[in-house]
Amino acid sequence: MVAGLVTDTRLDCRDLFFVPLSGPNFDGHDYITTAAEKGASGALWAKSERQLPDLPPRFTVLKVDDPLRAYMNIARTNIMNCPGAKRIGITGSGGKTTLKNLIRNLLSSYNTVSTRENENNEIGVSHTALRVNASTEYLVIEMGMRARGEIADLASIAMPQYGIITNCGKTHIGTLGSEKEIALSKGELIENMQPGGKVFLNADNKWTGMLKDMTDAEVVTFGMEAGDVTARNVRYTLDGTELTVVAGGVSFEARLTVPGKAGVYNALAGAAAALELGLGIDEIQDGLAKPIDEKGRMRIMRHSNGIIVLDDSYNSNPTSLRFALDLLGRLDHKGRRVAVLADMLELGDHSREEHYSIGMECVAGNVDALVTMGREARAIAEGATEANALENENILSFDSFEELEAEAEKLFKPGDLVLVKGSRGMRTERIVSLPAKS
């Protein structure tokens, strides 16, 4: 009998079966001896690998074509052996992690397993699936992708009965080539639903019609402009968002701890799923009101000098940046509104166009001072200048964090409301603490 699986020999390996995963800079097969020394009961081994090292006589080796594929198959088998768990898959061009955590909050009264942090690839989803047991009532799986076929692979592990696509935008357009190709890639989730499943789609997204044609499952839509589940009387504040959720003949008040339009879409998607799962209105209201408080995802930080930071530094793409700038302009605030924006990455040949259009279309009326960091983000400043969105002295650009940091004391004033946003590769989280030093 195998007590479980382990992929990292730095962890406890006793009585566990070691899976030697490999990456660009490591090969798990190099650690099979370590696993054996730490008490592992056995290991997978790729048939194409070199000769096995000397191992204890009771150490079992199972030769496979591909250890990662074997790991995925074992995880799927574990799901099949726990049919009582209702399985929810989530993907989209933005908001996946926040929605996953929001649904986890909605299901907090139930035995729920969900992906942790960013375990949204083949390894992470397999690891999550292996945590499911006979007592699990819900499994919530976030699914990320960078290429066609990856969502289909993740769906083959989790076998979702409910599928949610938050939106389809231009994230990863540099890799996939077009927004349509991105939407088709996200649609792999709903193409691989289990029979009798239900799909939840953003009614305000232009690709929803195409996505509907990709599935035979029943479709429920959500949106701020249209949909089966919609929002009314939306009010944004620095303490969160208030709205009325309308679903058919049912309506109820809700309060979210996350400000902004993206948060409303996530709440509507979560509420739509919760209603289909049979949760009561009180349960939904309580779940939506629970704090998510994710670092770098529209988190409010109040500094002692009176500066308030909207920390949305975790990642950025054209859709989420437009939402963030719209929120900055809508919030009731008497001081300056300052946007500190770093490069949006993975846009490929579309990069300059997307950055420039943000400056042309989204700065005026929402921002009093614009600071950009990175060579790609300079195009935001150029677009804002071309649009006469701000006086030139209120538009500053820096190529690096070090340049920006050197001028930080001059950039921020007490009473400012500062939005910080950029792609993960820009390490924009370093900017978040700078206003505190002003």
Protein backbone atom coordinates (compact mmCIF):
# COMPACT_ATOMS: atom_id res chain seq x y z
CA MET A 1 0.00 0.00 0.00
CA VAL A 2 1.14 3.55 -0.79
CA ALA A 3 0.27 6.20 1.77
CA GLY A 4 0.49 9.02 -0.76
CA LEU A 5 2.68 10.73 -3.34
CA VAL A 6 5.46 13.27 -2.97
CA THR A 7 7.24 15.32 -5.63
CA ASP A 8 9.82 17.11 -3.46
CA THR A 9 12.45 15.24 -1.41
CA ARG A 10 12.80 18.25 0.88
CA LEU A 11 9.45 17.20 2.34
CA ASP A 12 8.64 14.18 4.51
CA CYS A 13 8.95 11.12 2.24
CA ARG A 14 8.24 8.31 4.70
CA ASP A 15 5.97 5.62 3.18
CA LEU A 16 5.22 7.90 0.23
CA PHE A 17 5.73 7.22 -3.48
CA PHE A 18 8.17 9.66 -5.13
CA VAL A 19 7.27 11.26 -8.47
CA PRO A 20 10.41 12.55 -10.26
CA LEU A 21 9.16 15.64 -12.09
CA SER A 22 11.54 17.61 -14.29
CA GLY A 23 11.89 21.23 -15.39
CA PRO A 24 14.27 23.44 -17.38
CA ASN A 25 16.86 23.46 -14.60
CA PHE A 26 16.32 20.18 -12.73
CA ASP A 27 15.57 16.50 -13.17
CA GLY A 28 13.66 14.73 -10.43
CA HIS A 29 15.33 11.46 -11.31
CA ASP A 30 18.51 12.82 -9.70
CA TYR A 31 16.76 12.68 -6.32
CA ILE A 32 15.40 9.13 -6.31
CA THR A 33 18.23 7.96 -4.04
CA THR A 34 17.44 10.77 -1.61
CA ALA A 35 13.78 9.76 -1.61
CA ALA A 36 14.76 6.19 -0.78
CA GLU A 37 17.10 7.31 2.01
CA LYS A 38 14.26 9.40 3.51
CA GLY A 39 11.93 6.41 3.71
CA ALA A 40 9.95 6.59 0.49
CA SER A 41 8.32 3.28 -0.42
CA GLY A 42 9.01 3.60 -4.13
CA ALA A 43 9.14 5.89 -7.13
CA LEU A 44 8.10 6.38 -10.71
CA TRP A 45 10.89 6.23 -13.28
CA ALA A 46 10.83 7.33 -16.93
CA LYS A 47 11.64 4.41 -19.22
CA SER A 48 13.89 6.64 -21.31
CA GLU A 49 16.08 7.58 -18.33
CA ARG A 50 19.50 6.16 -17.59
CA GLN A 51 20.14 3.01 -15.55
CA LEU A 52 18.63 2.89 -12.10
CA PRO A 53 20.96 3.62 -9.15
CA ASP A 54 21.38 1.16 -6.29
CA LEU A 55 18.22 1.22 -4.21
CA PRO A 56 16.96 -0.62 -1.10
CA PRO A 57 15.55 -4.11 -1.85
CA ARG A 58 12.03 -3.16 -0.71
CA PHE A 59 11.98 0.07 -2.74
CA THR A 60 9.52 -0.33 -5.64
CA VAL A 61 10.18 1.29 -9.00
CA LEU A 62 7.32 1.68 -11.50
CA LYS A 63 8.60 2.46 -14.99
CA VAL A 64 6.37 4.79 -17.05
CA ASP A 65 6.61 6.68 -20.33
CA ASP A 66 6.22 10.10 -18.65
CA PRO A 67 6.16 10.67 -14.86
CA LEU A 68 4.09 13.87 -15.20
CA ARG A 69 1.43 12.11 -17.27
CA ALA A 70 1.44 9.24 -14.80
CA TYR A 71 0.99 11.73 -11.94
CA MET A 72 -1.96 13.31 -13.77
CA ASN A 73 -3.52 9.87 -14.38
CA ILE A 74 -3.17 8.90 -10.71
CA ALA A 75 -4.78 12.20 -9.69
CA ARG A 76 -7.69 11.64 -12.08
CA THR A 77 -8.17 8.12 -10.72
CA ASN A 78 -8.38 9.55 -7.21
CA ILE A 79 -11.16 11.89 -8.39
CA MET A 80 -13.00 8.95 -9.96
CA ASN A 81 -12.79 7.09 -6.66
CA CYS A 82 -14.46 10.02 -4.84
CA PRO A 83 -17.66 10.56 -6.84
CA GLY A 84 -19.39 12.44 -4.02
CA ALA A 85 -17.32 15.58 -4.59
CA LYS A 86 -18.98 18.19 -6.82
CA ARG A 87 -16.27 19.55 -9.10
CA ILE A 88 -16.01 23.18 -10.21
CA GLY A 89 -13.46 24.34 -12.80
CA ILE A 90 -12.53 28.01 -13.20
CA THR A 91 -10.55 29.70 -15.97
CA GLY A 92 -10.44 33.05 -17.76
CA SER A 93 -8.14 35.88 -18.76
CA GLY A 94 -8.37 37.50 -15.34
CA GLY A 95 -9.92 37.05 -11.91
CA LYS A 96 -9.41 33.28 -11.69
CA THR A 97 -7.66 33.22 -8.33
CA THR A 98 -9.98 35.79 -6.75
CA LEU A 99 -13.06 33.89 -7.96
CA LYS A 100 -11.62 30.60 -6.74
CA ASN A 101 -11.09 32.09 -3.28
CA LEU A 102 -14.51 33.74 -3.34
CA ILE A 103 -16.21 30.41 -4.15
CA ARG A 104 -14.16 28.77 -1.41
CA ASN A 105 -15.61 31.41 0.95
CA LEU A 106 -19.12 30.67 -0.31
CA LEU A 107 -18.54 26.98 0.41
CA SER A 108 -16.82 27.51 3.76
CA SER A 109 -19.53 25.54 5.61
CA TYR A 110 -18.79 22.46 3.51
CA ASN A 111 -15.84 20.10 3.23
CA THR A 112 -14.14 21.85 0.31
CA VAL A 113 -10.79 21.25 -1.38
CA SER A 114 -9.42 23.99 -3.65
CA THR A 115 -6.21 24.81 -5.45
CA ARG A 116 -3.76 26.68 -3.23
CA GLU A 117 -2.13 29.93 -4.28
CA ASN A 118 -1.27 29.42 -7.96
CA GLU A 119 -1.42 25.64 -8.27
CA ASN A 120 -3.22 26.04 -11.58
CA ASN A 121 -1.00 23.95 -13.87
CA GLU A 122 -0.70 20.17 -14.45
CA ILE A 123 1.40 19.64 -11.32
CA GLY A 124 -0.67 21.90 -9.06
CA VAL A 125 -4.05 20.61 -10.22
CA SER A 126 -2.85 17.01 -9.80
CA HIS A 127 -1.58 17.82 -6.32
CA THR A 128 -4.96 19.35 -5.44
CA ALA A 129 -6.90 16.40 -6.88
CA LEU A 130 -4.89 14.01 -4.71
CA ARG A 131 -6.13 15.85 -1.59
CA VAL A 132 -9.72 14.83 -2.34
CA ASN A 133 -11.13 11.97 -0.24
CA ALA A 134 -14.45 10.27 0.40
CA SER A 135 -15.61 13.07 2.73
CA THR A 136 -14.93 15.89 0.24
CA GLU A 137 -18.14 17.68 -0.78
CA TYR A 138 -16.71 20.22 -3.24
CA LEU A 139 -13.55 20.49 -5.33
CA VAL A 140 -12.72 23.97 -6.71
CA ILE A 141 -10.02 23.97 -9.37
CA GLU A 142 -8.37 27.03 -10.90
CA MET A 143 -7.01 26.36 -14.40
CA GLY A 144 -4.29 28.45 -16.02
CA MET A 145 -2.79 28.16 -19.49
CA ARG A 146 -0.20 29.54 -21.88
CA ALA A 147 -0.92 27.38 -24.93
CA ARG A 148 -3.68 25.40 -26.62
CA GLY A 149 -4.39 22.04 -25.07
CA GLU A 150 -3.37 22.92 -21.52
CA ILE A 151 -6.89 23.61 -20.23
CA ALA A 152 -8.07 20.36 -21.84
CA ASP A 153 -5.33 18.51 -19.94
CA LEU A 154 -6.38 20.09 -16.64
CA ALA A 155 -10.04 19.31 -17.30
CA SER A 156 -9.08 15.69 -17.96
CA ILE A 157 -7.72 15.54 -14.39
CA ALA A 158 -10.51 17.36 -12.55
CA MET A 159 -13.43 16.21 -14.73
CA PRO A 160 -15.52 19.32 -13.87
CA GLN A 161 -19.27 19.18 -13.57
CA TYR A 162 -19.48 22.99 -13.34
CA GLY A 163 -17.33 25.27 -15.47
CA ILE A 164 -16.83 29.04 -15.10
CA ILE A 165 -15.02 31.29 -17.60
CA THR A 166 -14.55 34.71 -15.99
CA ASN A 167 -13.75 36.52 -19.27
CA CYS A 168 -11.64 36.25 -22.41
CA GLY A 169 -9.18 39.06 -23.09
CA LYS A 170 -5.68 39.66 -24.39
CA THR A 171 -3.62 37.91 -21.72
CA HIS A 172 -0.95 35.72 -23.40
CA ILE A 173 -1.80 37.20 -26.80
CA GLY A 174 1.93 37.32 -27.54
CA THR A 175 2.00 33.52 -27.33
CA LEU A 176 -1.40 32.62 -28.77
CA GLY A 177 -1.52 35.28 -31.47
CA SER A 178 -5.11 36.51 -31.27
CA GLU A 179 -7.91 37.14 -28.82
CA LYS A 180 -10.04 34.54 -30.59
CA GLU A 181 -7.34 31.93 -30.09
CA ILE A 182 -7.27 32.83 -26.38
CA ALA A 183 -11.05 32.41 -26.16
CA LEU A 184 -10.83 29.03 -27.91
CA SER A 185 -8.15 27.95 -25.45
CA LYS A 186 -10.29 28.96 -22.47
CA GLY A 187 -13.22 27.19 -24.09
CA GLU A 188 -11.43 23.88 -23.72
CA LEU A 189 -12.82 23.84 -20.17
CA ILE A 190 -16.42 23.75 -21.33
CA GLU A 191 -15.64 21.39 -24.19
CA ASN A 192 -14.49 18.87 -21.60
CA MET A 193 -17.35 19.09 -19.12
CA GLN A 194 -18.86 15.97 -17.64
CA PRO A 195 -22.29 14.95 -19.02
CA GLY A 196 -25.11 16.93 -17.41
CA GLY A 197 -22.78 19.73 -16.37
CA LYS A 198 -23.48 23.46 -16.22
CA VAL A 199 -21.43 26.31 -17.64
CA PHE A 200 -21.24 29.92 -16.39
CA LEU A 201 -20.21 32.59 -18.91
CA ASN A 202 -19.73 36.36 -18.82
CA ALA A 203 -22.64 37.85 -20.77
CA ASP A 204 -20.74 41.11 -21.31
CA ASN A 205 -17.78 39.43 -23.04
CA LYS A 206 -17.78 39.45 -26.85
CA TRP A 207 -16.68 35.80 -27.09
CA THR A 208 -19.60 34.37 -25.12
CA GLY A 209 -21.64 33.54 -28.21
CA MET A 210 -18.77 31.51 -29.64
CA LEU A 211 -18.19 29.79 -26.31
CA LYS A 212 -21.85 28.78 -26.05
CA ASP A 213 -21.45 26.94 -29.36
CA MET A 214 -18.54 24.96 -27.92
CA THR A 215 -20.59 23.11 -25.32
CA ASP A 216 -23.70 20.98 -25.02
CA ALA A 217 -23.99 21.83 -21.34
CA GLU A 218 -26.64 24.14 -19.93
CA VAL A 219 -25.34 27.73 -19.93
CA VAL A 220 -25.98 30.32 -17.22
CA THR A 221 -24.77 33.87 -17.93
CA PHE A 222 -23.73 36.66 -15.57
CA GLY A 223 -22.92 40.30 -16.25
CA MET A 224 -23.33 43.93 -15.33
CA GLU A 225 -25.05 44.84 -18.60
CA ALA A 226 -26.94 41.61 -19.30
CA GLY A 227 -27.21 38.02 -18.14
CA ASP A 228 -29.24 35.57 -16.12
CA VAL A 229 -27.53 36.95 -12.99
CA THR A 230 -26.91 40.70 -13.01
CA ALA A 231 -26.00 43.60 -10.71
CA ARG A 232 -27.97 46.71 -9.91
CA ASN A 233 -27.26 49.79 -7.74
CA VAL A 234 -23.49 49.20 -7.71
CA ARG A 235 -21.57 51.50 -5.38
CA TYR A 236 -17.77 51.45 -5.08
CA THR A 237 -15.98 52.61 -1.94
CA LEU A 238 -12.51 52.17 -0.47
CA ASP A 239 -14.05 49.73 2.00
CA GLY A 240 -15.50 47.50 -0.69
CA THR A 241 -18.47 47.37 -3.05
CA GLU A 242 -22.21 47.31 -2.43
CA LEU A 243 -24.67 45.96 -5.00
CA THR A 244 -27.99 44.27 -5.58
CA VAL A 245 -27.75 40.82 -7.14
CA VAL A 246 -30.67 40.01 -9.44
CA ALA A 247 -31.23 36.42 -10.56
CA GLY A 248 -34.55 35.73 -12.24
CA GLY A 249 -37.28 36.47 -9.74
CA VAL A 250 -34.80 36.66 -6.85
CA SER A 251 -32.87 39.72 -5.74
CA PHE A 252 -30.76 40.39 -2.66
CA GLU A 253 -28.29 42.92 -1.32
CA ALA A 254 -24.61 42.01 -1.19
CA ARG A 255 -21.44 43.57 0.12
CA LEU A 256 -17.96 42.72 -1.13
CA THR A 257 -14.65 43.43 0.55
CA VAL A 258 -12.96 43.83 -2.86
CA PRO A 259 -13.56 47.15 -4.66
CA GLY A 260 -13.95 47.50 -8.40
CA LYS A 261 -15.76 46.18 -11.45
CA ALA A 262 -13.66 43.02 -11.60
CA GLY A 263 -14.86 42.19 -8.09
CA VAL A 264 -18.49 42.64 -9.15
CA TYR A 265 -18.06 40.22 -12.07
CA ASN A 266 -16.48 37.67 -9.72
CA ALA A 267 -19.31 38.11 -7.23
CA LEU A 268 -21.92 37.58 -9.95
CA ALA A 269 -20.14 34.46 -11.22
CA GLY A 270 -19.85 33.13 -7.67
CA ALA A 271 -23.48 33.91 -6.88
CA ALA A 272 -24.65 32.27 -10.11
CA ALA A 273 -22.74 29.10 -9.29
CA ALA A 274 -23.88 29.12 -5.66
CA LEU A 275 -27.53 29.42 -6.65
CA GLU A 276 -27.17 26.47 -9.04
CA LEU A 277 -25.49 24.48 -6.27
CA GLY A 278 -28.49 25.10 -4.03
CA LEU A 279 -26.98 27.51 -1.50
CA GLY A 280 -29.39 29.79 0.35
CA ILE A 281 -29.44 33.58 0.03
CA ASP A 282 -28.04 34.00 3.55
CA GLU A 283 -25.16 31.66 2.75
CA ILE A 284 -24.37 33.60 -0.42
CA GLN A 285 -24.50 36.97 1.32
CA ASP A 286 -22.23 35.75 4.10
CA GLY A 287 -19.78 34.18 1.66
CA LEU A 288 -19.53 37.28 -0.53
CA ALA A 289 -18.90 39.46 2.52
CA LYS A 290 -15.96 37.36 3.75
CA PRO A 291 -12.55 39.00 3.23
CA ILE A 292 -10.30 37.66 0.49
CA ASP A 293 -7.35 39.96 1.26
CA GLU A 294 -4.97 38.69 -1.37
CA LYS A 295 -1.63 40.41 -1.68
CA GLY A 296 -1.41 42.36 -4.89
CA ARG A 297 -5.05 41.88 -5.88
CA MET A 298 -6.82 45.20 -5.27
CA ARG A 299 -5.82 45.27 -1.61
CA ILE A 300 -6.30 48.56 0.24
CA MET A 301 -3.25 49.80 2.19
CA ARG A 302 -3.47 52.91 4.35
CA HIS A 303 -0.14 54.51 5.26
CA SER A 304 0.41 56.73 8.29
CA ASN A 305 1.21 59.73 6.09
CA GLY A 306 -2.34 59.70 4.74
CA ILE A 307 -1.51 58.04 1.43
CA ILE A 308 -3.83 55.20 0.41
CA VAL A 309 -2.53 52.52 -1.94
CA LEU A 310 -4.67 50.33 -4.18
CA ASP A 311 -2.29 47.38 -4.38
CA ASP A 312 -3.15 45.59 -7.63
CA SER A 313 0.48 44.77 -8.27
CA TYR A 314 0.19 41.00 -8.71
CA ASN A 315 -0.43 41.08 -12.45
CA SER A 316 -1.75 43.18 -15.30
CA ASN A 317 -3.35 42.84 -18.70
CA PRO A 318 -5.32 45.28 -20.87
CA THR A 319 -8.72 44.23 -19.51
CA SER A 320 -7.81 44.29 -15.82
CA LEU A 321 -5.88 47.56 -16.19
CA ARG A 322 -8.88 49.26 -17.76
CA PHE A 323 -11.04 48.04 -14.87
CA ALA A 324 -8.50 49.32 -12.33
CA LEU A 325 -8.24 52.79 -13.89
CA ASP A 326 -12.02 53.02 -14.11
CA LEU A 327 -12.22 52.24 -10.39
CA LEU A 328 -9.56 54.82 -9.56
CA GLY A 329 -11.70 57.46 -11.25
CA ARG A 330 -14.95 56.38 -9.61
CA LEU A 331 -13.85 56.27 -5.99
CA ASP A 332 -14.92 59.19 -3.81
CA HIS A 333 -11.57 60.77 -2.93
CA LYS A 334 -10.59 64.39 -2.32
CA GLY A 335 -6.85 64.05 -2.91
CA ARG A 336 -4.86 63.30 -6.04
CA ARG A 337 -5.33 60.07 -7.95
CA VAL A 338 -1.96 58.67 -8.94
CA ALA A 339 -1.49 55.66 -11.23
CA VAL A 340 1.87 53.86 -11.10
CA LEU A 341 1.81 51.43 -14.01
CA ALA A 342 4.48 48.95 -15.09
CA ASP A 343 4.79 46.91 -18.27
CA MET A 344 2.07 44.49 -19.30
CA LEU A 345 4.02 41.47 -20.50
CA GLU A 346 3.26 38.61 -22.91
CA LEU A 347 1.55 40.91 -25.43
CA GLY A 348 4.08 40.23 -28.19
CA ASP A 349 3.62 42.34 -31.31
CA HIS A 350 0.50 43.90 -29.76
CA SER A 351 2.41 45.41 -26.84
CA ARG A 352 2.88 48.99 -28.01
CA GLU A 353 -0.65 49.23 -29.36
CA GLU A 354 -2.20 47.96 -26.12
CA HIS A 355 -0.10 50.18 -23.84
CA TYR A 356 -0.65 53.24 -26.03
CA SER A 357 -4.43 52.76 -26.16
CA ILE A 358 -4.58 52.62 -22.37
CA GLY A 359 -2.94 56.05 -22.22
CA MET A 360 -5.17 57.45 -24.96
CA GLU A 361 -8.46 56.12 -23.59
CA CYS A 362 -8.24 55.48 -19.85
CA VAL A 363 -6.13 58.17 -18.19
CA ALA A 364 -8.22 61.32 -18.74
CA GLY A 365 -10.81 61.75 -15.99
CA ASN A 366 -9.44 58.89 -13.90
CA VAL A 367 -5.88 60.00 -13.10
CA ASP A 368 -4.30 63.23 -11.83
CA ALA A 369 -0.70 62.00 -12.07
CA LEU A 370 0.73 59.14 -14.15
CA VAL A 371 3.97 57.29 -13.40
CA THR A 372 5.16 54.47 -15.65
CA MET A 373 7.91 51.91 -15.04
CA GLY A 374 9.46 49.89 -17.85
CA ARG A 375 10.13 50.45 -21.51
CA GLU A 376 6.81 49.04 -22.70
CA ALA A 377 4.82 51.14 -20.25
CA ARG A 378 6.34 54.32 -21.71
CA ALA A 379 3.74 53.92 -24.45
CA ILE A 380 1.01 54.53 -21.83
CA ALA A 381 2.62 57.88 -21.07
CA GLU A 382 2.92 58.63 -24.79
CA GLY A 383 -0.75 57.87 -25.32
CA ALA A 384 -1.78 60.05 -22.39
CA THR A 385 0.37 62.89 -23.71
CA GLU A 386 -1.08 62.57 -27.20
CA ALA A 387 -4.61 62.66 -25.74
CA ASN A 388 -3.79 65.72 -23.60
CA ALA A 389 -5.05 63.70 -20.64
CA LEU A 390 -2.76 65.46 -18.16
CA GLU A 391 -0.32 68.32 -17.96
CA ASN A 392 3.13 67.15 -19.05
CA GLU A 393 4.63 67.71 -15.60
CA ASN A 394 2.15 65.16 -14.23
CA ILE A 395 3.41 62.39 -16.53
CA LEU A 396 6.67 60.72 -15.55
CA SER A 397 8.35 57.61 -16.97
CA PHE A 398 11.17 55.46 -15.61
CA ASP A 399 12.89 52.53 -17.28
CA SER A 400 13.63 50.65 -14.05
CA PHE A 401 12.52 50.29 -10.46
CA GLU A 402 15.83 51.72 -9.26
CA GLU A 403 15.22 54.95 -11.20
CA LEU A 404 11.68 55.20 -9.83
CA GLU A 405 12.78 54.45 -6.27
CA ALA A 406 15.38 57.23 -6.40
CA GLU A 407 12.63 59.76 -7.13
CA ALA A 408 9.93 58.24 -4.92
CA GLU A 409 9.88 61.02 -2.30
CA LYS A 410 8.96 63.52 -5.03
CA LEU A 411 6.27 61.38 -6.62
CA PHE A 412 3.76 61.06 -3.80
CA LYS A 413 2.03 63.53 -1.49
CA PRO A 414 0.02 63.06 1.71
CA GLY A 415 -3.60 62.41 0.80
CA ASP A 416 -2.81 60.70 -2.51
CA LEU A 417 -4.75 57.68 -3.68
CA VAL A 418 -2.18 55.54 -5.49
CA LEU A 419 -2.93 52.64 -7.85
CA VAL A 420 -0.01 50.24 -8.35
CA LYS A 421 -0.33 47.73 -11.18
CA GLY A 422 1.94 45.73 -13.47
CA SER A 423 2.78 42.26 -14.71
CA ARG A 424 4.36 39.72 -12.37
CA GLY A 425 7.62 39.77 -14.27
CA MET A 426 8.04 43.47 -13.44
CA ARG A 427 8.02 42.75 -9.68
CA THR A 428 5.68 45.68 -9.22
CA GLU A 429 5.09 44.70 -5.57
CA ARG A 430 8.33 46.55 -4.77
CA ILE A 431 6.56 49.83 -5.50
CA VAL A 432 3.78 49.31 -2.97
CA SER A 433 5.83 50.39 0.07
CA LEU A 434 7.37 53.48 -1.56
CA PRO A 435 4.47 55.89 -0.84
CA ALA A 436 4.94 55.21 2.89
CA LYS A 437 8.36 56.90 2.69
CA SER A 438 7.01 60.15 1.26
